[in-house]
Amino acid sequence: GKQRELVAAITSGGSTMYADSVKGRFTISRDNNRNTVYLQMDSL
């Protein structure tokens, strides 16, 4: 029942941003060699 919202983003250079609601709890990372992005979610 809600709109899709941006949680976290990461640039090719590794800069990150987070929604205020997840800041300090979620961590976004990427492995460019494997073309993979991760989202570590703690304190859910």
PDB file of all heavy atoms in Angstrom:
ATOM      1  N   GLY A   1       0.778  -1.226   0.000  1.00  0.00           N
ATOM      2  CA  GLY A   1       0.000   0.000   0.000  1.00  0.00           C
ATOM      3  C   GLY A   1       0.808   1.275   0.000  1.00  0.00           C
ATOM      4  O   GLY A   1       0.233   2.362   0.125  1.00  0.00           O
ATOM      5  N   LYS A   2       2.122   1.181  -0.144  1.00  0.00           N
ATOM      6  CA  LYS A   2       2.969   2.360  -0.118  1.00  0.00           C
ATOM      7  C   LYS A   2       3.768   2.495  -1.405  1.00  0.00           C
ATOM      8  O   LYS A   2       3.899   1.553  -2.184  1.00  0.00           O
ATOM      9  CB  LYS A   2       3.920   2.318   1.084  1.00  0.00           C
ATOM     10  CG  LYS A   2       3.223   2.370   2.429  1.00  0.00           C
ATOM     11  CD  LYS A   2       4.222   2.443   3.570  1.00  0.00           C
ATOM     12  CE  LYS A   2       3.521   2.553   4.907  1.00  0.00           C
ATOM     13  NZ  LYS A   2       4.495   2.632   6.026  1.00  0.00           N
ATOM     14  N   GLN A   3       4.305   3.686  -1.608  1.00  0.00           N
ATOM     15  CA  GLN A   3       5.139   3.954  -2.761  1.00  0.00           C
ATOM     16  C   GLN A   3       6.515   3.318  -2.599  1.00  0.00           C
ATOM     17  O   GLN A   3       7.001   3.130  -1.480  1.00  0.00           O
ATOM     18  CB  GLN A   3       5.302   5.464  -2.960  1.00  0.00           C
ATOM     19  CG  GLN A   3       4.036   6.193  -3.373  1.00  0.00           C
ATOM     20  CD  GLN A   3       3.695   5.949  -4.812  1.00  0.00           C
ATOM     21  OE1 GLN A   3       2.757   5.212  -5.120  1.00  0.00           O
ATOM     22  NE2 GLN A   3       4.453   6.550  -5.721  1.00  0.00           N
ATOM     23  N   ARG A   4       7.138   2.996  -3.711  1.00  0.00           N
ATOM     24  CA  ARG A   4       8.503   2.518  -3.679  1.00  0.00           C
ATOM     25  C   ARG A   4       9.427   3.670  -3.295  1.00  0.00           C
ATOM     26  O   ARG A   4       9.309   4.779  -3.824  1.00  0.00           O
ATOM     27  CB  ARG A   4       8.900   1.949  -5.041  1.00  0.00           C
ATOM     28  CG  ARG A   4      10.246   1.259  -5.063  1.00  0.00           C
ATOM     29  CD  ARG A   4      10.503   0.575  -6.405  1.00  0.00           C
ATOM     30  NE  ARG A   4       9.528  -0.458  -6.688  1.00  0.00           N
ATOM     31  CZ  ARG A   4       9.580  -1.269  -7.731  1.00  0.00           C
ATOM     32  NH1 ARG A   4      10.590  -1.181  -8.597  1.00  0.00           N
ATOM     33  NH2 ARG A   4       8.636  -2.177  -7.916  1.00  0.00           N
ATOM     34  N   GLU A   5      10.333   3.414  -2.376  1.00  0.00           N
ATOM     35  CA  GLU A   5      11.220   4.456  -1.897  1.00  0.00           C
ATOM     36  C   GLU A   5      12.675   4.023  -1.977  1.00  0.00           C
ATOM     37  O   GLU A   5      13.007   2.849  -1.819  1.00  0.00           O
ATOM     38  CB  GLU A   5      10.881   4.841  -0.449  1.00  0.00           C
ATOM     39  CG  GLU A   5      11.092   3.723   0.558  1.00  0.00           C
ATOM     40  CD  GLU A   5      10.883   4.163   1.997  1.00  0.00           C
ATOM     41  OE1 GLU A   5      10.849   5.381   2.257  1.00  0.00           O
ATOM     42  OE2 GLU A   5      10.761   3.277   2.873  1.00  0.00           O
ATOM     43  N   LEU A   6      13.527   4.996  -2.204  1.00  0.00           N
ATOM     44  CA  LEU A   6      14.960   4.748  -2.237  1.00  0.00           C
ATOM     45  C   LEU A   6      15.471   4.543  -0.819  1.00  0.00           C
ATOM     46  O   LEU A   6      15.231   5.367   0.059  1.00  0.00           O
ATOM     47  CB  LEU A   6      15.688   5.912  -2.903  1.00  0.00           C
ATOM     48  CG  LEU A   6      17.213   5.827  -2.954  1.00  0.00           C
ATOM     49  CD1 LEU A   6      17.662   4.652  -3.812  1.00  0.00           C
ATOM     50  CD2 LEU A   6      17.799   7.134  -3.493  1.00  0.00           C
ATOM     51  N   VAL A   7      16.193   3.458  -0.612  1.00  0.00           N
ATOM     52  CA  VAL A   7      16.747   3.132   0.690  1.00  0.00           C
ATOM     53  C   VAL A   7      18.216   3.518   0.778  1.00  0.00           C
ATOM     54  O   VAL A   7      18.659   4.127   1.757  1.00  0.00           O
ATOM     55  CB  VAL A   7      16.578   1.630   1.006  1.00  0.00           C
ATOM     56  CG1 VAL A   7      17.266   1.264   2.317  1.00  0.00           C
ATOM     57  CG2 VAL A   7      15.103   1.270   1.055  1.00  0.00           C
ATOM     58  N   ALA A   8      18.984   3.139  -0.227  1.00  0.00           N
ATOM     59  CA  ALA A   8      20.411   3.404  -0.242  1.00  0.00           C
ATOM     60  C   ALA A   8      20.912   3.389  -1.670  1.00  0.00           C
ATOM     61  O   ALA A   8      20.345   2.713  -2.532  1.00  0.00           O
ATOM     62  CB  ALA A   8      21.176   2.371   0.594  1.00  0.00           C
ATOM     63  N   ALA A   9      21.966   4.127  -1.926  1.00  0.00           N
ATOM     64  CA  ALA A   9      22.564   4.173  -3.252  1.00  0.00           C
ATOM     65  C   ALA A   9      24.068   4.278  -3.132  1.00  0.00           C
ATOM     66  O   ALA A   9      24.593   4.781  -2.127  1.00  0.00           O
ATOM     67  CB  ALA A   9      22.012   5.352  -4.060  1.00  0.00           C
ATOM     68  N   ILE A  10      24.754   3.812  -4.166  1.00  0.00           N
ATOM     69  CA  ILE A  10      26.209   3.869  -4.192  1.00  0.00           C
ATOM     70  C   ILE A  10      26.661   4.151  -5.613  1.00  0.00           C
ATOM     71  O   ILE A  10      26.158   3.577  -6.572  1.00  0.00           O
ATOM     72  CB  ILE A  10      26.825   2.553  -3.648  1.00  0.00           C
ATOM     73  CG1 ILE A  10      28.352   2.659  -3.557  1.00  0.00           C
ATOM     74  CG2 ILE A  10      26.397   1.355  -4.488  1.00  0.00           C
ATOM     75  CD1 ILE A  10      28.980   1.525  -2.761  1.00  0.00           C
ATOM     76  N   THR A  11      27.595   5.069  -5.752  1.00  0.00           N
ATOM     77  CA  THR A  11      28.114   5.423  -7.059  1.00  0.00           C
ATOM     78  C   THR A  11      29.240   4.488  -7.451  1.00  0.00           C
ATOM     79  O   THR A  11      29.724   3.683  -6.652  1.00  0.00           O
ATOM     80  CB  THR A  11      28.629   6.869  -7.074  1.00  0.00           C
ATOM     81  OG1 THR A  11      29.819   6.961  -6.267  1.00  0.00           O
ATOM     82  CG2 THR A  11      27.582   7.834  -6.541  1.00  0.00           C
ATOM     83  N   SER A  12      29.672   4.593  -8.700  1.00  0.00           N
ATOM     84  CA  SER A  12      30.781   3.779  -9.167  1.00  0.00           C
ATOM     85  C   SER A  12      32.060   4.085  -8.399  1.00  0.00           C
ATOM     86  O   SER A  12      32.942   3.229  -8.295  1.00  0.00           O
ATOM     87  CB  SER A  12      31.008   3.988 -10.664  1.00  0.00           C
ATOM     88  OG  SER A  12      31.296   5.344 -10.958  1.00  0.00           O
ATOM     89  N   GLY A  13      32.155   5.296  -7.861  1.00  0.00           N
ATOM     90  CA  GLY A  13      33.312   5.683  -7.084  1.00  0.00           C
ATOM     91  C   GLY A  13      33.237   5.310  -5.622  1.00  0.00           C
ATOM     92  O   GLY A  13      34.193   5.531  -4.877  1.00  0.00           O
ATOM     93  N   GLY A  14      32.094   4.769  -5.190  1.00  0.00           N
ATOM     94  CA  GLY A  14      31.959   4.316  -3.822  1.00  0.00           C
ATOM     95  C   GLY A  14      31.263   5.275  -2.881  1.00  0.00           C
ATOM     96  O   GLY A  14      31.122   4.968  -1.689  1.00  0.00           O
ATOM     97  N   SER A  15      30.810   6.421  -3.371  1.00  0.00           N
ATOM     98  CA  SER A  15      30.059   7.333  -2.524  1.00  0.00           C
ATOM     99  C   SER A  15      28.686   6.753  -2.228  1.00  0.00           C
ATOM    100  O   SER A  15      28.046   6.174  -3.102  1.00  0.00           O
ATOM    101  CB  SER A  15      29.915   8.699  -3.196  1.00  0.00           C
ATOM    102  OG  SER A  15      31.179   9.300  -3.388  1.00  0.00           O
ATOM    103  N   THR A  16      28.225   6.907  -1.001  1.00  0.00           N
ATOM    104  CA  THR A  16      26.954   6.315  -0.588  1.00  0.00           C
ATOM    105  C   THR A  16      26.005   7.365  -0.045  1.00  0.00           C
ATOM    106  O   THR A  16      26.411   8.443   0.390  1.00  0.00           O
ATOM    107  CB  THR A  16      27.171   5.239   0.485  1.00  0.00           C
ATOM    108  OG1 THR A  16      27.800   5.832   1.633  1.00  0.00           O
ATOM    109  CG2 THR A  16      28.058   4.124  -0.038  1.00  0.00           C
ATOM    110  N   MET A  17      24.719   7.027  -0.080  1.00  0.00           N
ATOM    111  CA  MET A  17      23.692   7.818   0.555  1.00  0.00           C
ATOM    112  C   MET A  17      22.638   6.876   1.112  1.00  0.00           C
ATOM    113  O   MET A  17      22.470   5.763   0.613  1.00  0.00           O
ATOM    114  CB  MET A  17      23.066   8.828  -0.415  1.00  0.00           C
ATOM    115  CG  MET A  17      22.312   8.228  -1.597  1.00  0.00           C
ATOM    116  SD  MET A  17      20.615   7.688  -1.210  1.00  0.00           S
ATOM    117  CE  MET A  17      19.863   9.243  -0.734  1.00  0.00           C
ATOM    118  N   TYR A  18      21.944   7.332   2.157  1.00  0.00           N
ATOM    119  CA  TYR A  18      20.943   6.510   2.823  1.00  0.00           C
ATOM    120  C   TYR A  18      19.720   7.329   3.162  1.00  0.00           C
ATOM    121  O   TYR A  18      19.819   8.522   3.457  1.00  0.00           O
ATOM    122  CB  TYR A  18      21.498   5.909   4.118  1.00  0.00           C
ATOM    123  CG  TYR A  18      22.695   5.012   3.926  1.00  0.00           C
ATOM    124  CD1 TYR A  18      23.988   5.512   3.993  1.00  0.00           C
ATOM    125  CD2 TYR A  18      22.533   3.653   3.675  1.00  0.00           C
ATOM    126  CE1 TYR A  18      25.085   4.692   3.814  1.00  0.00           C
ATOM    127  CE2 TYR A  18      23.618   2.822   3.496  1.00  0.00           C
ATOM    128  CZ  TYR A  18      24.897   3.347   3.570  1.00  0.00           C
ATOM    129  OH  TYR A  18      25.984   2.527   3.391  1.00  0.00           O
ATOM    130  N   ALA A  19      18.584   6.679   3.122  1.00  0.00           N
ATOM    131  CA  ALA A  19      17.379   7.293   3.635  1.00  0.00           C
ATOM    132  C   ALA A  19      17.524   7.480   5.140  1.00  0.00           C
ATOM    133  O   ALA A  19      18.168   6.676   5.824  1.00  0.00           O
ATOM    134  CB  ALA A  19      16.158   6.428   3.327  1.00  0.00           C
ATOM    135  N   ASP A  20      16.930   8.547   5.658  1.00  0.00           N
ATOM    136  CA  ASP A  20      17.042   8.825   7.085  1.00  0.00           C
ATOM    137  C   ASP A  20      16.542   7.663   7.942  1.00  0.00           C
ATOM    138  O   ASP A  20      17.067   7.408   9.033  1.00  0.00           O
ATOM    139  CB  ASP A  20      16.268  10.091   7.438  1.00  0.00           C
ATOM    140  CG  ASP A  20      16.943  11.349   6.930  1.00  0.00           C
ATOM    141  OD1 ASP A  20      18.157  11.309   6.638  1.00  0.00           O
ATOM    142  OD2 ASP A  20      16.256  12.384   6.826  1.00  0.00           O
ATOM    143  N   SER A  21      15.550   6.945   7.455  1.00  0.00           N
ATOM    144  CA  SER A  21      14.945   5.872   8.228  1.00  0.00           C
ATOM    145  C   SER A  21      15.863   4.672   8.439  1.00  0.00           C
ATOM    146  O   SER A  21      15.616   3.860   9.338  1.00  0.00           O
ATOM    147  CB  SER A  21      13.646   5.410   7.565  1.00  0.00           C
ATOM    148  OG  SER A  21      13.892   4.929   6.257  1.00  0.00           O
ATOM    149  N   VAL A  22      16.914   4.547   7.620  1.00  0.00           N
ATOM    150  CA  VAL A  22      17.806   3.402   7.731  1.00  0.00           C
ATOM    151  C   VAL A  22      19.229   3.798   8.073  1.00  0.00           C
ATOM    152  O   VAL A  22      20.080   2.927   8.280  1.00  0.00           O
ATOM    153  CB  VAL A  22      17.807   2.557   6.441  1.00  0.00           C
ATOM    154  CG1 VAL A  22      16.388   2.173   6.060  1.00  0.00           C
ATOM    155  CG2 VAL A  22      18.492   3.302   5.300  1.00  0.00           C
ATOM    156  N   LYS A  23      19.496   5.079   8.146  1.00  0.00           N
ATOM    157  CA  LYS A  23      20.843   5.568   8.411  1.00  0.00           C
ATOM    158  C   LYS A  23      21.357   5.019   9.739  1.00  0.00           C
ATOM    159  O   LYS A  23      20.674   5.074  10.759  1.00  0.00           O
ATOM    160  CB  LYS A  23      20.845   7.095   8.408  1.00  0.00           C
ATOM    161  CG  LYS A  23      22.210   7.729   8.213  1.00  0.00           C
ATOM    162  CD  LYS A  23      22.075   9.235   7.951  1.00  0.00           C
ATOM    163  CE  LYS A  23      21.299   9.504   6.674  1.00  0.00           C
ATOM    164  NZ  LYS A  23      21.163  10.966   6.395  1.00  0.00           N
ATOM    165  N   GLY A  24      22.551   4.472   9.699  1.00  0.00           N
ATOM    166  CA  GLY A  24      23.146   3.887  10.885  1.00  0.00           C
ATOM    167  C   GLY A  24      22.830   2.422  11.074  1.00  0.00           C
ATOM    168  O   GLY A  24      23.458   1.763  11.911  1.00  0.00           O
ATOM    169  N   ARG A  25      21.861   1.899  10.324  1.00  0.00           N
ATOM    170  CA  ARG A  25      21.474   0.495  10.447  1.00  0.00           C
ATOM    171  C   ARG A  25      21.796  -0.312   9.196  1.00  0.00           C
ATOM    172  O   ARG A  25      22.098  -1.498   9.293  1.00  0.00           O
ATOM    173  CB  ARG A  25      19.977   0.373  10.739  1.00  0.00           C
ATOM    174  CG  ARG A  25      19.542   1.045  12.032  1.00  0.00           C
ATOM    175  CD  ARG A  25      18.089   0.722  12.354  1.00  0.00           C
ATOM    176  NE  ARG A  25      17.171   1.257  11.341  1.00  0.00           N
ATOM    177  CZ  ARG A  25      16.329   0.528  10.620  1.00  0.00           C
ATOM    178  NH1 ARG A  25      16.278  -0.792  10.805  1.00  0.00           N
ATOM    179  NH2 ARG A  25      15.526   1.095   9.737  1.00  0.00           N
ATOM    180  N   PHE A  26      21.711   0.320   8.030  1.00  0.00           N
ATOM    181  CA  PHE A  26      21.951  -0.356   6.763  1.00  0.00           C
ATOM    182  C   PHE A  26      23.275   0.113   6.172  1.00  0.00           C
ATOM    183  O   PHE A  26      23.673   1.267   6.346  1.00  0.00           O
ATOM    184  CB  PHE A  26      20.841  -0.059   5.753  1.00  0.00           C
ATOM    185  CG  PHE A  26      19.506  -0.659   6.077  1.00  0.00           C
ATOM    186  CD1 PHE A  26      19.256  -1.276   7.297  1.00  0.00           C
ATOM    187  CD2 PHE A  26      18.484  -0.602   5.148  1.00  0.00           C
ATOM    188  CE1 PHE A  26      18.016  -1.827   7.589  1.00  0.00           C
ATOM    189  CE2 PHE A  26      17.237  -1.146   5.420  1.00  0.00           C
ATOM    190  CZ  PHE A  26      17.001  -1.755   6.639  1.00  0.00           C
ATOM    191  N   THR A  27      23.932  -0.777   5.444  1.00  0.00           N
ATOM    192  CA  THR A  27      25.170  -0.454   4.761  1.00  0.00           C
ATOM    193  C   THR A  27      25.133  -1.003   3.347  1.00  0.00           C
ATOM    194  O   THR A  27      24.924  -2.203   3.148  1.00  0.00           O
ATOM    195  CB  THR A  27      26.391  -1.027   5.493  1.00  0.00           C
ATOM    196  OG1 THR A  27      26.418  -0.557   6.845  1.00  0.00           O
ATOM    197  CG2 THR A  27      27.676  -0.592   4.795  1.00  0.00           C
ATOM    198  N   ILE A  28      25.326  -0.130   2.372  1.00  0.00           N
ATOM    199  CA  ILE A  28      25.375  -0.559   0.980  1.00  0.00           C
ATOM    200  C   ILE A  28      26.829  -0.670   0.544  1.00  0.00           C
ATOM    201  O   ILE A  28      27.669   0.136   0.936  1.00  0.00           O
ATOM    202  CB  ILE A  28      24.589   0.406   0.065  1.00  0.00           C
ATOM    203  CG1 ILE A  28      24.479  -0.157  -1.353  1.00  0.00           C
ATOM    204  CG2 ILE A  28      25.213   1.798   0.054  1.00  0.00           C
ATOM    205  CD1 ILE A  28      23.530   0.634  -2.247  1.00  0.00           C
ATOM    206  N   SER A  29      27.127  -1.675  -0.252  1.00  0.00           N
ATOM    207  CA  SER A  29      28.470  -1.868  -0.768  1.00  0.00           C
ATOM    208  C   SER A  29      28.380  -2.529  -2.136  1.00  0.00           C
ATOM    209  O   SER A  29      27.313  -2.997  -2.545  1.00  0.00           O
ATOM    210  CB  SER A  29      29.317  -2.716   0.188  1.00  0.00           C
ATOM    211  OG  SER A  29      28.758  -4.004   0.356  1.00  0.00           O
ATOM    212  N   ARG A  30      29.493  -2.560  -2.837  1.00  0.00           N
ATOM    213  CA  ARG A  30      29.489  -3.175  -4.158  1.00  0.00           C
ATOM    214  C   ARG A  30      30.816  -3.842  -4.444  1.00  0.00           C
ATOM    215  O   ARG A  30      31.861  -3.459  -3.908  1.00  0.00           O
ATOM    216  CB  ARG A  30      29.173  -2.141  -5.248  1.00  0.00           C
ATOM    217  CG  ARG A  30      30.170  -0.998  -5.357  1.00  0.00           C
ATOM    218  CD  ARG A  30      29.649   0.100  -6.290  1.00  0.00           C
ATOM    219  NE  ARG A  30      29.629  -0.323  -7.684  1.00  0.00           N
ATOM    220  CZ  ARG A  30      29.041   0.355  -8.671  1.00  0.00           C
ATOM    221  NH1 ARG A  30      28.396   1.487  -8.400  1.00  0.00           N
ATOM    222  NH2 ARG A  30      29.077  -0.101  -9.912  1.00  0.00           N
ATOM    223  N   ASP A  31      30.763  -4.843  -5.293  1.00  0.00           N
ATOM    224  CA  ASP A  31      31.935  -5.543  -5.778  1.00  0.00           C
ATOM    225  C   ASP A  31      31.920  -5.387  -7.292  1.00  0.00           C
ATOM    226  O   ASP A  31      31.173  -6.072  -7.983  1.00  0.00           O
ATOM    227  CB  ASP A  31      31.902  -7.020  -5.376  1.00  0.00           C
ATOM    228  CG  ASP A  31      33.162  -7.765  -5.769  1.00  0.00           C
ATOM    229  OD1 ASP A  31      33.873  -7.321  -6.697  1.00  0.00           O
ATOM    230  OD2 ASP A  31      33.449  -8.808  -5.149  1.00  0.00           O
ATOM    231  N   ASN A  32      32.721  -4.474  -7.790  1.00  0.00           N
ATOM    232  CA  ASN A  32      32.704  -4.174  -9.215  1.00  0.00           C
ATOM    233  C   ASN A  32      33.192  -5.341 -10.074  1.00  0.00           C
ATOM    234  O   ASN A  32      32.772  -5.491 -11.222  1.00  0.00           O
ATOM    235  CB  ASN A  32      33.547  -2.930  -9.499  1.00  0.00           C
ATOM    236  CG  ASN A  32      32.929  -1.667  -8.934  1.00  0.00           C
ATOM    237  OD1 ASN A  32      31.703  -1.570  -8.812  1.00  0.00           O
ATOM    238  ND2 ASN A  32      33.755  -0.691  -8.597  1.00  0.00           N
ATOM    239  N   ASN A  33      34.080  -6.165  -9.521  1.00  0.00           N
ATOM    240  CA  ASN A  33      34.575  -7.309 -10.278  1.00  0.00           C
ATOM    241  C   ASN A  33      33.498  -8.360 -10.491  1.00  0.00           C
ATOM    242  O   ASN A  33      33.552  -9.125 -11.456  1.00  0.00           O
ATOM    243  CB  ASN A  33      35.779  -7.939  -9.576  1.00  0.00           C
ATOM    244  CG  ASN A  33      36.972  -7.012  -9.502  1.00  0.00           C
ATOM    245  OD1 ASN A  33      37.536  -6.782  -8.427  1.00  0.00           O
ATOM    246  ND2 ASN A  33      37.373  -6.465 -10.642  1.00  0.00           N
ATOM    247  N   ARG A  34      32.538  -8.408  -9.596  1.00  0.00           N
ATOM    248  CA  ARG A  34      31.464  -9.387  -9.678  1.00  0.00           C
ATOM    249  C   ARG A  34      30.138  -8.768 -10.095  1.00  0.00           C
ATOM    250  O   ARG A  34      29.126  -9.467 -10.135  1.00  0.00           O
ATOM    251  CB  ARG A  34      31.299 -10.109  -8.342  1.00  0.00           C
ATOM    252  CG  ARG A  34      32.539 -10.883  -7.915  1.00  0.00           C
ATOM    253  CD  ARG A  34      32.353 -11.552  -6.569  1.00  0.00           C
ATOM    254  NE  ARG A  34      33.540 -12.298  -6.175  1.00  0.00           N
ATOM    255  CZ  ARG A  34      33.664 -12.964  -5.035  1.00  0.00           C
ATOM    256  NH1 ARG A  34      32.675 -12.976  -4.158  1.00  0.00           N
ATOM    257  NH2 ARG A  34      34.787 -13.611  -4.764  1.00  0.00           N
ATOM    258  N   ASN A  35      30.141  -7.472 -10.401  1.00  0.00           N
ATOM    259  CA  ASN A  35      28.921  -6.762 -10.786  1.00  0.00           C
ATOM    260  C   ASN A  35      27.799  -6.999  -9.779  1.00  0.00           C
ATOM    261  O   ASN A  35      26.650  -7.265 -10.148  1.00  0.00           O
ATOM    262  CB  ASN A  35      28.465  -7.183 -12.188  1.00  0.00           C
ATOM    263  CG  ASN A  35      29.383  -6.662 -13.274  1.00  0.00           C
ATOM    264  OD1 ASN A  35      29.999  -5.604 -13.138  1.00  0.00           O
ATOM    265  ND2 ASN A  35      29.479  -7.396 -14.376  1.00  0.00           N
ATOM    266  N   THR A  36      28.141  -6.876  -8.516  1.00  0.00           N
ATOM    267  CA  THR A  36      27.207  -7.190  -7.446  1.00  0.00           C
ATOM    268  C   THR A  36      27.123  -6.041  -6.447  1.00  0.00           C
ATOM    269  O   THR A  36      28.141  -5.434  -6.102  1.00  0.00           O
ATOM    270  CB  THR A  36      27.618  -8.477  -6.718  1.00  0.00           C
ATOM    271  OG1 THR A  36      27.654  -9.561  -7.657  1.00  0.00           O
ATOM    272  CG2 THR A  36      26.639  -8.819  -5.613  1.00  0.00           C
ATOM    273  N   VAL A  37      25.912  -5.766  -5.992  1.00  0.00           N
ATOM    274  CA  VAL A  37      25.686  -4.791  -4.945  1.00  0.00           C
ATOM    275  C   VAL A  37      25.062  -5.504  -3.754  1.00  0.00           C
ATOM    276  O   VAL A  37      24.274  -6.440  -3.921  1.00  0.00           O
ATOM    277  CB  VAL A  37      24.795  -3.624  -5.432  1.00  0.00           C
ATOM    278  CG1 VAL A  37      23.413  -4.120  -5.840  1.00  0.00           C
ATOM    279  CG2 VAL A  37      24.691  -2.543  -4.365  1.00  0.00           C
ATOM    280  N   TYR A  38      25.431  -5.076  -2.555  1.00  0.00           N
ATOM    281  CA  TYR A  38      24.957  -5.695  -1.329  1.00  0.00           C
ATOM    282  C   TYR A  38      24.258  -4.661  -0.457  1.00  0.00           C
ATOM    283  O   TYR A  38      24.526  -3.465  -0.528  1.00  0.00           O
ATOM    284  CB  TYR A  38      26.110  -6.296  -0.528  1.00  0.00           C
ATOM    285  CG  TYR A  38      26.957  -7.277  -1.298  1.00  0.00           C
ATOM    286  CD1 TYR A  38      28.109  -6.860  -1.966  1.00  0.00           C
ATOM    287  CD2 TYR A  38      26.620  -8.622  -1.361  1.00  0.00           C
ATOM    288  CE1 TYR A  38      28.889  -7.750  -2.669  1.00  0.00           C
ATOM    289  CE2 TYR A  38      27.394  -9.521  -2.064  1.00  0.00           C
ATOM    290  CZ  TYR A  38      28.532  -9.083  -2.717  1.00  0.00           C
ATOM    291  OH  TYR A  38      29.299  -9.985  -3.415  1.00  0.00           O
ATOM    292  N   LEU A  39      23.376  -5.138   0.379  1.00  0.00           N
ATOM    293  CA  LEU A  39      22.764  -4.310   1.399  1.00  0.00           C
ATOM    294  C   LEU A  39      22.773  -5.083   2.702  1.00  0.00           C
ATOM    295  O   LEU A  39      22.020  -6.046   2.863  1.00  0.00           O
ATOM    296  CB  LEU A  39      21.334  -3.909   1.024  1.00  0.00           C
ATOM    297  CG  LEU A  39      20.675  -2.914   1.987  1.00  0.00           C
ATOM    298  CD1 LEU A  39      21.383  -1.559   1.925  1.00  0.00           C
ATOM    299  CD2 LEU A  39      19.189  -2.755   1.669  1.00  0.00           C
ATOM    300  N   GLN A  40      23.637  -4.672   3.612  1.00  0.00           N
ATOM    301  CA  GLN A  40      23.683  -5.255   4.938  1.00  0.00           C
ATOM    302  C   GLN A  40      22.694  -4.519   5.819  1.00  0.00           C
ATOM    303  O   GLN A  40      22.794  -3.303   5.983  1.00  0.00           O
ATOM    304  CB  GLN A  40      25.092  -5.151   5.528  1.00  0.00           C
ATOM    305  CG  GLN A  40      25.233  -5.688   6.942  1.00  0.00           C
ATOM    306  CD  GLN A  40      25.028  -7.177   7.028  1.00  0.00           C
ATOM    307  OE1 GLN A  40      25.517  -7.915   6.170  1.00  0.00           O
ATOM    308  NE2 GLN A  40      24.311  -7.628   8.045  1.00  0.00           N
ATOM    309  N   MET A  41      21.738  -5.241   6.365  1.00  0.00           N
ATOM    310  CA  MET A  41      20.682  -4.651   7.169  1.00  0.00           C
ATOM    311  C   MET A  41      20.788  -5.181   8.593  1.00  0.00           C
ATOM    312  O   MET A  41      20.616  -6.376   8.832  1.00  0.00           O
ATOM    313  CB  MET A  41      19.308  -4.962   6.577  1.00  0.00           C
ATOM    314  CG  MET A  41      19.148  -4.523   5.131  1.00  0.00           C
ATOM    315  SD  MET A  41      17.476  -4.791   4.492  1.00  0.00           S
ATOM    316  CE  MET A  41      17.414  -6.590   4.533  1.00  0.00           C
ATOM    317  N   ASP A  42      21.063  -4.287   9.516  1.00  0.00           N
ATOM    318  CA  ASP A  42      21.174  -4.629  10.926  1.00  0.00           C
ATOM    319  C   ASP A  42      20.089  -3.916  11.718  1.00  0.00           C
ATOM    320  O   ASP A  42      19.499  -2.947  11.257  1.00  0.00           O
ATOM    321  CB  ASP A  42      22.554  -4.244  11.464  1.00  0.00           C
ATOM    322  CG  ASP A  42      23.694  -4.954  10.769  1.00  0.00           C
ATOM    323  OD1 ASP A  42      23.575  -6.167  10.519  1.00  0.00           O
ATOM    324  OD2 ASP A  42      24.722  -4.293  10.488  1.00  0.00           O
ATOM    325  N   SER A  43      19.860  -4.395  12.922  1.00  0.00           N
ATOM    326  CA  SER A  43      18.861  -3.793  13.811  1.00  0.00           C
ATOM    327  C   SER A  43      17.529  -3.601  13.102  1.00  0.00           C
ATOM    328  O   SER A  43      16.913  -2.531  13.161  1.00  0.00           O
ATOM    329  CB  SER A  43      19.377  -2.457  14.360  1.00  0.00           C
ATOM    330  OG  SER A  43      20.588  -2.628  15.066  1.00  0.00           O
ATOM    331  N   LEU A  44      17.082  -4.641  12.436  1.00  0.00           N
ATOM    332  CA  LEU A  44      15.860  -4.551  11.651  1.00  0.00           C
ATOM    333  C   LEU A  44      14.641  -4.306  12.527  1.00  0.00           C
ATOM    334  O   LEU A  44      14.551  -4.803  13.649  1.00  0.00           O
ATOM    335  CB  LEU A  44      15.668  -5.818  10.830  1.00  0.00           C
ATOM    336  CG  LEU A  44      16.548  -5.905   9.578  1.00  0.00           C
ATOM    337  CD1 LEU A  44      16.621  -7.328   9.065  1.00  0.00           C
ATOM    338  CD2 LEU A  44      16.013  -4.973   8.496  1.00  0.00           C
TER     339      LEU A  44
END
